[in-house]
Amino acid sequence: SIDNYWDPKIIAQLNGQLVKIAKIKGDFIMHNHEHEDELFFVIDGLLYMELEDQTLEIGPGEMITIPKGINHRPYTKVETKIMLFEPSSTLNTGNVKNELTKKHLEEI
């Protein structure tokens, strides 16, 4: 039921955290979250996480946690399905506001 890339949907809430799912493909932007950690879990596909000093490859069934304040840029070469765990205050583009910013997420 997700048609657009980089458009996370809320599937659950618990203790101030949101569980989100998204389909992603291509490049995102380098950004950080000043106050929130993020957890990315790859359901299908292959996620690359560019950090300031390295790029990590996260495959199906694997996850990565990005601590608050760390610059990161997720990207993919193929359509990838991910699950995210993050505080409800987390904005998908963090400290950057642009056309990719999603302020109001759909709950499914």
PDB file of N, CA and C in Angstrom:
ATOM      1  N   SER A   1       0.818  -1.215   0.000  1.00  0.00           N
ATOM      2  CA  SER A   1       0.000   0.000   0.000  1.00  0.00           C
ATOM      3  C   SER A   1       0.854   1.268   0.000  1.00  0.00           C
ATOM      4  N   ILE A   2       2.173   1.129  -0.160  1.00  0.00           N
ATOM      5  CA  ILE A   2       3.035   2.308  -0.226  1.00  0.00           C
ATOM      6  C   ILE A   2       3.456   2.505  -1.679  1.00  0.00           C
ATOM      7  N   ASP A   3       3.087   3.641  -2.244  1.00  0.00           N
ATOM      8  CA  ASP A   3       3.350   3.904  -3.651  1.00  0.00           C
ATOM      9  C   ASP A   3       4.581   4.764  -3.892  1.00  0.00           C
ATOM     10  N   ASN A   4       4.909   5.648  -2.958  1.00  0.00           N
ATOM     11  CA  ASN A   4       5.980   6.618  -3.173  1.00  0.00           C
ATOM     12  C   ASN A   4       7.238   6.263  -2.388  1.00  0.00           C
ATOM     13  N   TYR A   5       8.370   6.577  -2.983  1.00  0.00           N
ATOM     14  CA  TYR A   5       9.635   6.398  -2.289  1.00  0.00           C
ATOM     15  C   TYR A   5       9.854   7.532  -1.299  1.00  0.00           C
ATOM     16  N   TRP A   6      10.580   7.228  -0.219  1.00  0.00           N
ATOM     17  CA  TRP A   6      10.965   8.200   0.811  1.00  0.00           C
ATOM     18  C   TRP A   6       9.749   8.867   1.452  1.00  0.00           C
ATOM     19  N   ASP A   7       8.673   8.106   1.621  1.00  0.00           N
ATOM     20  CA  ASP A   7       7.434   8.619   2.218  1.00  0.00           C
ATOM     21  C   ASP A   7       6.990   7.666   3.329  1.00  0.00           C
ATOM     22  N   PRO A   8       7.657   7.732   4.512  1.00  0.00           N
ATOM     23  CA  PRO A   8       7.371   6.763   5.579  1.00  0.00           C
ATOM     24  C   PRO A   8       5.931   6.836   6.076  1.00  0.00           C
ATOM     25  N   LYS A   9       5.431   5.665   6.468  1.00  0.00           N
ATOM     26  CA  LYS A   9       4.083   5.529   7.031  1.00  0.00           C
ATOM     27  C   LYS A   9       4.209   4.964   8.446  1.00  0.00           C
ATOM     28  N   ILE A  10       3.382   5.461   9.341  1.00  0.00           N
ATOM     29  CA  ILE A  10       3.368   4.980  10.727  1.00  0.00           C
ATOM     30  C   ILE A  10       2.538   3.708  10.799  1.00  0.00           C
ATOM     31  N   ILE A  11       3.125   2.648  11.396  1.00  0.00           N
ATOM     32  CA  ILE A  11       2.359   1.404  11.564  1.00  0.00           C
ATOM     33  C   ILE A  11       2.096   1.076  13.028  1.00  0.00           C
ATOM     34  N   ALA A  12       2.814   1.741  13.957  1.00  0.00           N
ATOM     35  CA  ALA A  12       2.591   1.489  15.381  1.00  0.00           C
ATOM     36  C   ALA A  12       3.221   2.611  16.198  1.00  0.00           C
ATOM     37  N   GLN A  13       2.741   2.748  17.437  1.00  0.00           N
ATOM     38  CA  GLN A  13       3.300   3.708  18.391  1.00  0.00           C
ATOM     39  C   GLN A  13       3.461   3.013  19.728  1.00  0.00           C
ATOM     40  N   LEU A  14       4.575   3.300  20.414  1.00  0.00           N
ATOM     41  CA  LEU A  14       4.759   2.765  21.749  1.00  0.00           C
ATOM     42  C   LEU A  14       5.746   3.621  22.518  1.00  0.00           C
ATOM     43  N   ASN A  15       5.371   4.007  23.720  1.00  0.00           N
ATOM     44  CA  ASN A  15       6.243   4.750  24.628  1.00  0.00           C
ATOM     45  C   ASN A  15       6.933   5.943  23.973  1.00  0.00           C
ATOM     46  N   GLY A  16       6.199   6.720  23.210  1.00  0.00           N
ATOM     47  CA  GLY A  16       6.764   7.904  22.563  1.00  0.00           C
ATOM     48  C   GLY A  16       7.584   7.612  21.316  1.00  0.00           C
ATOM     49  N   GLN A  17       7.617   6.345  20.923  1.00  0.00           N
ATOM     50  CA  GLN A  17       8.348   5.935  19.718  1.00  0.00           C
ATOM     51  C   GLN A  17       7.358   5.624  18.599  1.00  0.00           C
ATOM     52  N   LEU A  18       7.788   5.853  17.365  1.00  0.00           N
ATOM     53  CA  LEU A  18       6.990   5.458  16.215  1.00  0.00           C
ATOM     54  C   LEU A  18       7.699   4.327  15.484  1.00  0.00           C
ATOM     55  N   VAL A  19       6.918   3.385  15.011  1.00  0.00           N
ATOM     56  CA  VAL A  19       7.410   2.345  14.125  1.00  0.00           C
ATOM     57  C   VAL A  19       6.873   2.719  12.745  1.00  0.00           C
ATOM     58  N   LYS A  20       7.794   2.869  11.786  1.00  0.00           N
ATOM     59  CA  LYS A  20       7.426   3.312  10.448  1.00  0.00           C
ATOM     60  C   LYS A  20       7.946   2.315   9.424  1.00  0.00           C
ATOM     61  N   ILE A  21       7.270   2.258   8.282  1.00  0.00           N
ATOM     62  CA  ILE A  21       7.770   1.495   7.149  1.00  0.00           C
ATOM     63  C   ILE A  21       7.854   2.431   5.953  1.00  0.00           C
ATOM     64  N   ALA A  22       8.772   2.111   5.049  1.00  0.00           N
ATOM     65  CA  ALA A  22       8.943   2.943   3.861  1.00  0.00           C
ATOM     66  C   ALA A  22       9.559   2.120   2.739  1.00  0.00           C
ATOM     67  N   LYS A  23       9.252   2.546   1.529  1.00  0.00           N
ATOM     68  CA  LYS A  23       9.944   2.053   0.338  1.00  0.00           C
ATOM     69  C   LYS A  23      10.893   3.161  -0.074  1.00  0.00           C
ATOM     70  N   ILE A  24      12.138   2.800  -0.334  1.00  0.00           N
ATOM     71  CA  ILE A  24      13.119   3.816  -0.710  1.00  0.00           C
ATOM     72  C   ILE A  24      13.893   3.347  -1.938  1.00  0.00           C
ATOM     73  N   LYS A  25      14.345   4.311  -2.718  1.00  0.00           N
ATOM     74  CA  LYS A  25      15.182   4.013  -3.877  1.00  0.00           C
ATOM     75  C   LYS A  25      15.887   5.289  -4.285  1.00  0.00           C
ATOM     76  N   GLY A  26      17.176   5.171  -4.557  1.00  0.00           N
ATOM     77  CA  GLY A  26      17.953   6.321  -4.995  1.00  0.00           C
ATOM     78  C   GLY A  26      18.603   7.022  -3.818  1.00  0.00           C
ATOM     79  N   ASP A  27      18.864   8.303  -4.022  1.00  0.00           N
ATOM     80  CA  ASP A  27      19.611   9.098  -3.040  1.00  0.00           C
ATOM     81  C   ASP A  27      18.707   9.879  -2.110  1.00  0.00           C
ATOM     82  N   PHE A  28      19.132  10.006  -0.868  1.00  0.00           N
ATOM     83  CA  PHE A  28      18.508  10.905   0.095  1.00  0.00           C
ATOM     84  C   PHE A  28      19.534  12.001   0.371  1.00  0.00           C
ATOM     85  N   ILE A  29      19.352  12.751   1.427  1.00  0.00           N
ATOM     86  CA  ILE A  29      20.256  13.863   1.735  1.00  0.00           C
ATOM     87  C   ILE A  29      21.067  13.562   2.984  1.00  0.00           C
ATOM     88  N   MET A  30      22.234  14.161   3.075  1.00  0.00           N
ATOM     89  CA  MET A  30      23.033  14.098   4.304  1.00  0.00           C
ATOM     90  C   MET A  30      22.325  14.970   5.331  1.00  0.00           C
ATOM     91  N   HIS A  31      22.129  14.434   6.529  1.00  0.00           N
ATOM     92  CA  HIS A  31      21.436  15.169   7.590  1.00  0.00           C
ATOM     93  C   HIS A  31      21.772  14.538   8.937  1.00  0.00           C
ATOM     94  N   ASN A  32      21.300  15.163  10.007  1.00  0.00           N
ATOM     95  CA  ASN A  32      21.409  14.564  11.331  1.00  0.00           C
ATOM     96  C   ASN A  32      20.187  14.941  12.150  1.00  0.00           C
ATOM     97  N   HIS A  33      20.026  14.254  13.254  1.00  0.00           N
ATOM     98  CA  HIS A  33      18.926  14.520  14.187  1.00  0.00           C
ATOM     99  C   HIS A  33      19.564  14.918  15.513  1.00  0.00           C
ATOM    100  N   GLU A  34      19.368  16.154  15.886  1.00  0.00           N
ATOM    101  CA  GLU A  34      20.042  16.706  17.061  1.00  0.00           C
ATOM    102  C   GLU A  34      19.674  15.980  18.352  1.00  0.00           C
ATOM    103  N   HIS A  35      18.417  15.542  18.467  1.00  0.00           N
ATOM    104  CA  HIS A  35      17.944  14.988  19.742  1.00  0.00           C
ATOM    105  C   HIS A  35      17.490  13.534  19.680  1.00  0.00           C
ATOM    106  N   GLU A  36      17.475  12.919  18.497  1.00  0.00           N
ATOM    107  CA  GLU A  36      16.894  11.584  18.379  1.00  0.00           C
ATOM    108  C   GLU A  36      17.863  10.589  17.736  1.00  0.00           C
ATOM    109  N   ASP A  37      17.875   9.370  18.283  1.00  0.00           N
ATOM    110  CA  ASP A  37      18.534   8.240  17.641  1.00  0.00           C
ATOM    111  C   ASP A  37      17.530   7.645  16.646  1.00  0.00           C
ATOM    112  N   GLU A  38      18.047   6.966  15.618  1.00  0.00           N
ATOM    113  CA  GLU A  38      17.190   6.290  14.643  1.00  0.00           C
ATOM    114  C   GLU A  38      17.652   4.856  14.466  1.00  0.00           C
ATOM    115  N   LEU A  39      16.702   3.953  14.254  1.00  0.00           N
ATOM    116  CA  LEU A  39      17.035   2.569  13.948  1.00  0.00           C
ATOM    117  C   LEU A  39      16.420   2.238  12.592  1.00  0.00           C
ATOM    118  N   PHE A  40      17.256   1.751  11.676  1.00  0.00           N
ATOM    119  CA  PHE A  40      16.830   1.318  10.352  1.00  0.00           C
ATOM    120  C   PHE A  40      16.938  -0.205  10.298  1.00  0.00           C
ATOM    121  N   PHE A  41      15.851  -0.882   9.945  1.00  0.00           N
ATOM    122  CA  PHE A  41      15.837  -2.330   9.773  1.00  0.00           C
ATOM    123  C   PHE A  41      15.463  -2.618   8.324  1.00  0.00           C
ATOM    124  N   VAL A  42      16.303  -3.352   7.615  1.00  0.00           N
ATOM    125  CA  VAL A  42      16.046  -3.653   6.204  1.00  0.00           C
ATOM    126  C   VAL A  42      15.187  -4.907   6.103  1.00  0.00           C
ATOM    127  N   ILE A  43      14.033  -4.759   5.475  1.00  0.00           N
ATOM    128  CA  ILE A  43      13.119  -5.875   5.250  1.00  0.00           C
ATOM    129  C   ILE A  43      13.494  -6.584   3.949  1.00  0.00           C
ATOM    130  N   ASP A  44      13.723  -5.787   2.900  1.00  0.00           N
ATOM    131  CA  ASP A  44      14.035  -6.332   1.581  1.00  0.00           C
ATOM    132  C   ASP A  44      14.869  -5.308   0.826  1.00  0.00           C
ATOM    133  N   GLY A  45      15.831  -5.766   0.048  1.00  0.00           N
ATOM    134  CA  GLY A  45      16.674  -4.860  -0.718  1.00  0.00           C
ATOM    135  C   GLY A  45      18.020  -4.669  -0.035  1.00  0.00           C
ATOM    136  N   LEU A  46      18.639  -3.535  -0.308  1.00  0.00           N
ATOM    137  CA  LEU A  46      19.966  -3.252   0.217  1.00  0.00           C
ATOM    138  C   LEU A  46      20.090  -1.758   0.489  1.00  0.00           C
ATOM    139  N   LEU A  47      20.374  -1.418   1.737  1.00  0.00           N
ATOM    140  CA  LEU A  47      20.509  -0.025   2.170  1.00  0.00           C
ATOM    141  C   LEU A  47      21.982   0.296   2.354  1.00  0.00           C
ATOM    142  N   TYR A  48      22.384   1.436   1.825  1.00  0.00           N
ATOM    143  CA  TYR A  48      23.725   1.965   2.082  1.00  0.00           C
ATOM    144  C   TYR A  48      23.559   3.157   3.002  1.00  0.00           C
ATOM    145  N   MET A  49      24.399   3.236   4.030  1.00  0.00           N
ATOM    146  CA  MET A  49      24.354   4.360   4.960  1.00  0.00           C
ATOM    147  C   MET A  49      25.710   5.053   4.905  1.00  0.00           C
ATOM    148  N   GLU A  50      25.719   6.227   4.310  1.00  0.00           N
ATOM    149  CA  GLU A  50      26.948   7.013   4.226  1.00  0.00           C
ATOM    150  C   GLU A  50      27.095   7.827   5.506  1.00  0.00           C
ATOM    151  N   LEU A  51      28.216   7.647   6.161  1.00  0.00           N
ATOM    152  CA  LEU A  51      28.570   8.429   7.340  1.00  0.00           C
ATOM    153  C   LEU A  51      29.733   9.328   6.938  1.00  0.00           C
ATOM    154  N   GLU A  52      30.210  10.150   7.824  1.00  0.00           N
ATOM    155  CA  GLU A  52      31.289  11.067   7.456  1.00  0.00           C
ATOM    156  C   GLU A  52      32.577  10.345   7.107  1.00  0.00           C
ATOM    157  N   ASP A  53      32.844   9.182   7.705  1.00  0.00           N
ATOM    158  CA  ASP A  53      34.126   8.512   7.488  1.00  0.00           C
ATOM    159  C   ASP A  53      34.029   7.134   6.832  1.00  0.00           C
ATOM    160  N   GLN A  54      32.794   6.680   6.526  1.00  0.00           N
ATOM    161  CA  GLN A  54      32.626   5.362   5.916  1.00  0.00           C
ATOM    162  C   GLN A  54      31.218   5.202   5.373  1.00  0.00           C
ATOM    163  N   THR A  55      31.037   4.199   4.528  1.00  0.00           N
ATOM    164  CA  THR A  55      29.712   3.831   4.039  1.00  0.00           C
ATOM    165  C   THR A  55      29.463   2.384   4.418  1.00  0.00           C
ATOM    166  N   LEU A  56      28.324   2.129   5.067  1.00  0.00           N
ATOM    167  CA  LEU A  56      27.965   0.790   5.524  1.00  0.00           C
ATOM    168  C   LEU A  56      26.897   0.206   4.610  1.00  0.00           C
ATOM    169  N   GLU A  57      26.903  -1.101   4.459  1.00  0.00           N
ATOM    170  CA  GLU A  57      25.926  -1.821   3.653  1.00  0.00           C
ATOM    171  C   GLU A  57      25.063  -2.650   4.597  1.00  0.00           C
ATOM    172  N   ILE A  58      23.739  -2.435   4.539  1.00  0.00           N
ATOM    173  CA  ILE A  58      22.820  -3.130   5.437  1.00  0.00           C
ATOM    174  C   ILE A  58      21.859  -3.953   4.580  1.00  0.00           C
ATOM    175  N   GLY A  59      21.864  -5.274   4.766  1.00  0.00           N
ATOM    176  CA  GLY A  59      21.047  -6.172   3.959  1.00  0.00           C
ATOM    177  C   GLY A  59      19.791  -6.626   4.685  1.00  0.00           C
ATOM    178  N   PRO A  60      18.971  -7.435   4.024  1.00  0.00           N
ATOM    179  CA  PRO A  60      17.723  -7.934   4.623  1.00  0.00           C
ATOM    180  C   PRO A  60      17.978  -8.632   5.957  1.00  0.00           C
ATOM    181  N   GLY A  61      17.152  -8.295   6.947  1.00  0.00           N
ATOM    182  CA  GLY A  61      17.279  -8.877   8.278  1.00  0.00           C
ATOM    183  C   GLY A  61      18.327  -8.201   9.138  1.00  0.00           C
ATOM    184  N   GLU A  62      19.010  -7.185   8.590  1.00  0.00           N
ATOM    185  CA  GLU A  62      20.023  -6.457   9.360  1.00  0.00           C
ATOM    186  C   GLU A  62      19.502  -5.077   9.720  1.00  0.00           C
ATOM    187  N   MET A  63      20.141  -4.480  10.715  1.00  0.00           N
ATOM    188  CA  MET A  63      19.724  -3.153  11.156  1.00  0.00           C
ATOM    189  C   MET A  63      20.941  -2.313  11.488  1.00  0.00           C
ATOM    190  N   ILE A  64      20.700  -1.005  11.554  1.00  0.00           N
ATOM    191  CA  ILE A  64      21.730  -0.062  11.971  1.00  0.00           C
ATOM    192  C   ILE A  64      21.057   1.008  12.823  1.00  0.00           C
ATOM    193  N   THR A  65      21.745   1.401  13.877  1.00  0.00           N
ATOM    194  CA  THR A  65      21.275   2.507  14.711  1.00  0.00           C
ATOM    195  C   THR A  65      22.181   3.693  14.462  1.00  0.00           C
ATOM    196  N   ILE A  66      21.575   4.831  14.194  1.00  0.00           N
ATOM    197  CA  ILE A  66      22.314   6.072  13.994  1.00  0.00           C
ATOM    198  C   ILE A  66      22.094   6.934  15.235  1.00  0.00           C
ATOM    199  N   PRO A  67      23.134   7.176  16.013  1.00  0.00           N
ATOM    200  CA  PRO A  67      22.993   7.998  17.216  1.00  0.00           C
ATOM    201  C   PRO A  67      22.679   9.459  16.877  1.00  0.00           C
ATOM    202  N   LYS A  68      21.999  10.121  17.782  1.00  0.00           N
ATOM    203  CA  LYS A  68      21.684  11.536  17.582  1.00  0.00           C
ATOM    204  C   LYS A  68      22.961  12.325  17.299  1.00  0.00           C
ATOM    205  N   GLY A  69      22.823  13.334  16.443  1.00  0.00           N
ATOM    206  CA  GLY A  69      23.930  14.220  16.128  1.00  0.00           C
ATOM    207  C   GLY A  69      24.895  13.711  15.067  1.00  0.00           C
ATOM    208  N   ILE A  70      24.726  12.474  14.603  1.00  0.00           N
ATOM    209  CA  ILE A  70      25.639  11.900  13.602  1.00  0.00           C
ATOM    210  C   ILE A  70      25.107  12.191  12.194  1.00  0.00           C
ATOM    211  N   ASN A  71      25.929  12.815  11.356  1.00  0.00           N
ATOM    212  CA  ASN A  71      25.555  13.035   9.966  1.00  0.00           C
ATOM    213  C   ASN A  71      25.481  11.701   9.253  1.00  0.00           C
ATOM    214  N   HIS A  72      24.393  11.523   8.494  1.00  0.00           N
ATOM    215  CA  HIS A  72      24.199  10.288   7.749  1.00  0.00           C
ATOM    216  C   HIS A  72      23.371  10.548   6.499  1.00  0.00           C
ATOM    217  N   ARG A  73      23.604   9.689   5.503  1.00  0.00           N
ATOM    218  CA  ARG A  73      22.852   9.789   4.248  1.00  0.00           C
ATOM    219  C   ARG A  73      22.511   8.387   3.775  1.00  0.00           C
ATOM    220  N   PRO A  74      21.234   8.004   3.902  1.00  0.00           N
ATOM    221  CA  PRO A  74      20.821   6.711   3.377  1.00  0.00           C
ATOM    222  C   PRO A  74      20.631   6.805   1.857  1.00  0.00           C
ATOM    223  N   TYR A  75      20.991   5.728   1.168  1.00  0.00           N
ATOM    224  CA  TYR A  75      20.700   5.657  -0.265  1.00  0.00           C
ATOM    225  C   TYR A  75      20.626   4.196  -0.679  1.00  0.00           C
ATOM    226  N   THR A  76      20.033   3.960  -1.831  1.00  0.00           N
ATOM    227  CA  THR A  76      19.906   2.605  -2.353  1.00  0.00           C
ATOM    228  C   THR A  76      20.154   2.615  -3.856  1.00  0.00           C
ATOM    229  N   LYS A  77      20.494   1.461  -4.370  1.00  0.00           N
ATOM    230  CA  LYS A  77      20.634   1.286  -5.818  1.00  0.00           C
ATOM    231  C   LYS A  77      19.438   0.526  -6.380  1.00  0.00           C
ATOM    232  N   VAL A  78      18.724  -0.181  -5.524  1.00  0.00           N
ATOM    233  CA  VAL A  78      17.520  -0.926  -5.901  1.00  0.00           C
ATOM    234  C   VAL A  78      16.405  -0.578  -4.921  1.00  0.00           C
ATOM    235  N   GLU A  79      15.166  -0.833  -5.308  1.00  0.00           N
ATOM    236  CA  GLU A  79      14.049  -0.599  -4.388  1.00  0.00           C
ATOM    237  C   GLU A  79      14.295  -1.389  -3.110  1.00  0.00           C
ATOM    238  N   THR A  80      14.166  -0.715  -1.984  1.00  0.00           N
ATOM    239  CA  THR A  80      14.439  -1.308  -0.678  1.00  0.00           C
ATOM    240  C   THR A  80      13.292  -0.983   0.266  1.00  0.00           C
ATOM    241  N   LYS A  81      12.906  -1.972   1.060  1.00  0.00           N
ATOM    242  CA  LYS A  81      11.834  -1.790   2.043  1.00  0.00           C
ATOM    243  C   LYS A  81      12.466  -1.786   3.426  1.00  0.00           C
ATOM    244  N   ILE A  82      12.141  -0.759   4.202  1.00  0.00           N
ATOM    245  CA  ILE A  82      12.744  -0.623   5.532  1.00  0.00           C
ATOM    246  C   ILE A  82      11.680  -0.397   6.590  1.00  0.00           C
ATOM    247  N   MET A  83      12.068  -0.695   7.828  1.00  0.00           N
ATOM    248  CA  MET A  83      11.278  -0.363   9.006  1.00  0.00           C
ATOM    249  C   MET A  83      12.151   0.566   9.843  1.00  0.00           C
ATOM    250  N   LEU A  84      11.542   1.597  10.389  1.00  0.00           N
ATOM    251  CA  LEU A  84      12.245   2.576  11.211  1.00  0.00           C
ATOM    252  C   LEU A  84      11.644   2.611  12.604  1.00  0.00           C
ATOM    253  N   PHE A  85      12.504   2.743  13.614  1.00  0.00           N
ATOM    254  CA  PHE A  85      12.067   2.962  14.987  1.00  0.00           C
ATOM    255  C   PHE A  85      12.698   4.273  15.421  1.00  0.00           C
ATOM    256  N   GLU A  86      11.861   5.240  15.800  1.00  0.00           N
ATOM    257  CA  GLU A  86      12.400   6.536  16.196  1.00  0.00           C
ATOM    258  C   GLU A  86      11.386   7.298  17.043  1.00  0.00           C
ATOM    259  N   PRO A  87      11.855   8.250  17.856  1.00  0.00           N
ATOM    260  CA  PRO A  87      10.939   9.047  18.661  1.00  0.00           C
ATOM    261  C   PRO A  87       9.928   9.785  17.776  1.00  0.00           C
ATOM    262  N   SER A  88       8.764  10.035  18.310  1.00  0.00           N
ATOM    263  CA  SER A  88       7.706  10.688  17.529  1.00  0.00           C
ATOM    264  C   SER A  88       8.108  12.086  17.068  1.00  0.00           C
ATOM    265  N   SER A  89       9.082  12.701  17.695  1.00  0.00           N
ATOM    266  CA  SER A  89       9.529  14.040  17.313  1.00  0.00           C
ATOM    267  C   SER A  89      10.465  14.047  16.107  1.00  0.00           C
ATOM    268  N   THR A  90      10.867  12.869  15.618  1.00  0.00           N
ATOM    269  CA  THR A  90      11.865  12.776  14.551  1.00  0.00           C
ATOM    270  C   THR A  90      11.297  13.200  13.205  1.00  0.00           C
ATOM    271  N   LEU A  91      11.939  14.173  12.584  1.00  0.00           N
ATOM    272  CA  LEU A  91      11.608  14.617  11.241  1.00  0.00           C
ATOM    273  C   LEU A  91      12.511  13.872  10.267  1.00  0.00           C
ATOM    274  N   ASN A  92      11.959  13.336   9.205  1.00  0.00           N
ATOM    275  CA  ASN A  92      12.735  12.458   8.322  1.00  0.00           C
ATOM    276  C   ASN A  92      13.995  13.107   7.755  1.00  0.00           C
ATOM    277  N   THR A  93      13.995  14.408   7.560  1.00  0.00           N
ATOM    278  CA  THR A  93      15.180  15.090   7.021  1.00  0.00           C
ATOM    279  C   THR A  93      15.989  15.781   8.109  1.00  0.00           C
ATOM    280  N   GLY A  94      15.659  15.521   9.368  1.00  0.00           N
ATOM    281  CA  GLY A  94      16.443  16.050  10.487  1.00  0.00           C
ATOM    282  C   GLY A  94      16.629  17.549  10.454  1.00  0.00           C
ATOM    283  N   ASN A  95      17.892  17.982  10.413  1.00  0.00           N
ATOM    284  CA  ASN A  95      18.218  19.403  10.481  1.00  0.00           C
ATOM    285  C   ASN A  95      18.106  20.104   9.132  1.00  0.00           C
ATOM    286  N   VAL A  96      17.679  19.393   8.095  1.00  0.00           N
ATOM    287  CA  VAL A  96      17.529  19.973   6.760  1.00  0.00           C
ATOM    288  C   VAL A  96      16.045  20.002   6.409  1.00  0.00           C
ATOM    289  N   LYS A  97      15.563  21.130   5.940  1.00  0.00           N
ATOM    290  CA  LYS A  97      14.164  21.249   5.503  1.00  0.00           C
ATOM    291  C   LYS A  97      14.171  21.493   4.000  1.00  0.00           C
ATOM    292  N   ASN A  98      13.541  20.564   3.243  1.00  0.00           N
ATOM    293  CA  ASN A  98      13.449  20.721   1.800  1.00  0.00           C
ATOM    294  C   ASN A  98      12.240  19.960   1.270  1.00  0.00           C
ATOM    295  N   GLU A  99      12.200  19.703  -0.037  1.00  0.00           N
ATOM    296  CA  GLU A  99      11.042  19.042  -0.652  1.00  0.00           C
ATOM    297  C   GLU A  99      10.882  17.587  -0.197  1.00  0.00           C
ATOM    298  N   LEU A 100      11.897  16.991   0.392  1.00  0.00           N
ATOM    299  CA  LEU A 100      11.801  15.626   0.914  1.00  0.00           C
ATOM    300  C   LEU A 100      11.228  15.559   2.330  1.00  0.00           C
ATOM    301  N   THR A 101      11.138  16.701   3.000  1.00  0.00           N
ATOM    302  CA  THR A 101      10.666  16.748   4.387  1.00  0.00           C
ATOM    303  C   THR A 101       9.182  16.353   4.452  1.00  0.00           C
ATOM    304  N   LYS A 102       8.888  15.426   5.351  1.00  0.00           N
ATOM    305  CA  LYS A 102       7.503  14.956   5.585  1.00  0.00           C
ATOM    306  C   LYS A 102       7.112  15.328   7.011  1.00  0.00           C
ATOM    307  N   LYS A 103       6.295  16.362   7.164  1.00  0.00           N
ATOM    308  CA  LYS A 103       5.905  16.827   8.499  1.00  0.00           C
ATOM    309  C   LYS A 103       4.718  16.049   9.067  1.00  0.00           C
ATOM    310  N   HIS A 104       3.834  15.592   8.206  1.00  0.00           N
ATOM    311  CA  HIS A 104       2.634  14.873   8.661  1.00  0.00           C
ATOM    312  C   HIS A 104       2.604  13.511   7.982  1.00  0.00           C
ATOM    313  N   LEU A 105       2.840  12.472   8.776  1.00  0.00           N
ATOM    314  CA  LEU A 105       2.898  11.128   8.223  1.00  0.00           C
ATOM    315  C   LEU A 105       1.551  10.427   8.319  1.00  0.00           C
ATOM    316  N   GLU A 106       1.245   9.656   7.314  1.00  0.00           N
ATOM    317  CA  GLU A 106       0.028   8.862   7.290  1.00  0.00           C
ATOM    318  C   GLU A 106       0.202   7.657   8.204  1.00  0.00           C
ATOM    319  N   GLU A 107      -0.866   7.321   8.921  1.00  0.00           N
ATOM    320  CA  GLU A 107      -0.864   6.133   9.776  1.00  0.00           C
ATOM    321  C   GLU A 107      -1.651   5.050   9.061  1.00  0.00           C
ATOM    322  N   ILE A 108      -1.030   3.882   8.890  1.00  0.00           N
ATOM    323  CA  ILE A 108      -1.734   2.805   8.199  1.00  0.00           C
ATOM    324  C   ILE A 108      -1.857   1.583   9.083  1.00  0.00           C
TER     325      ILE A 108
END
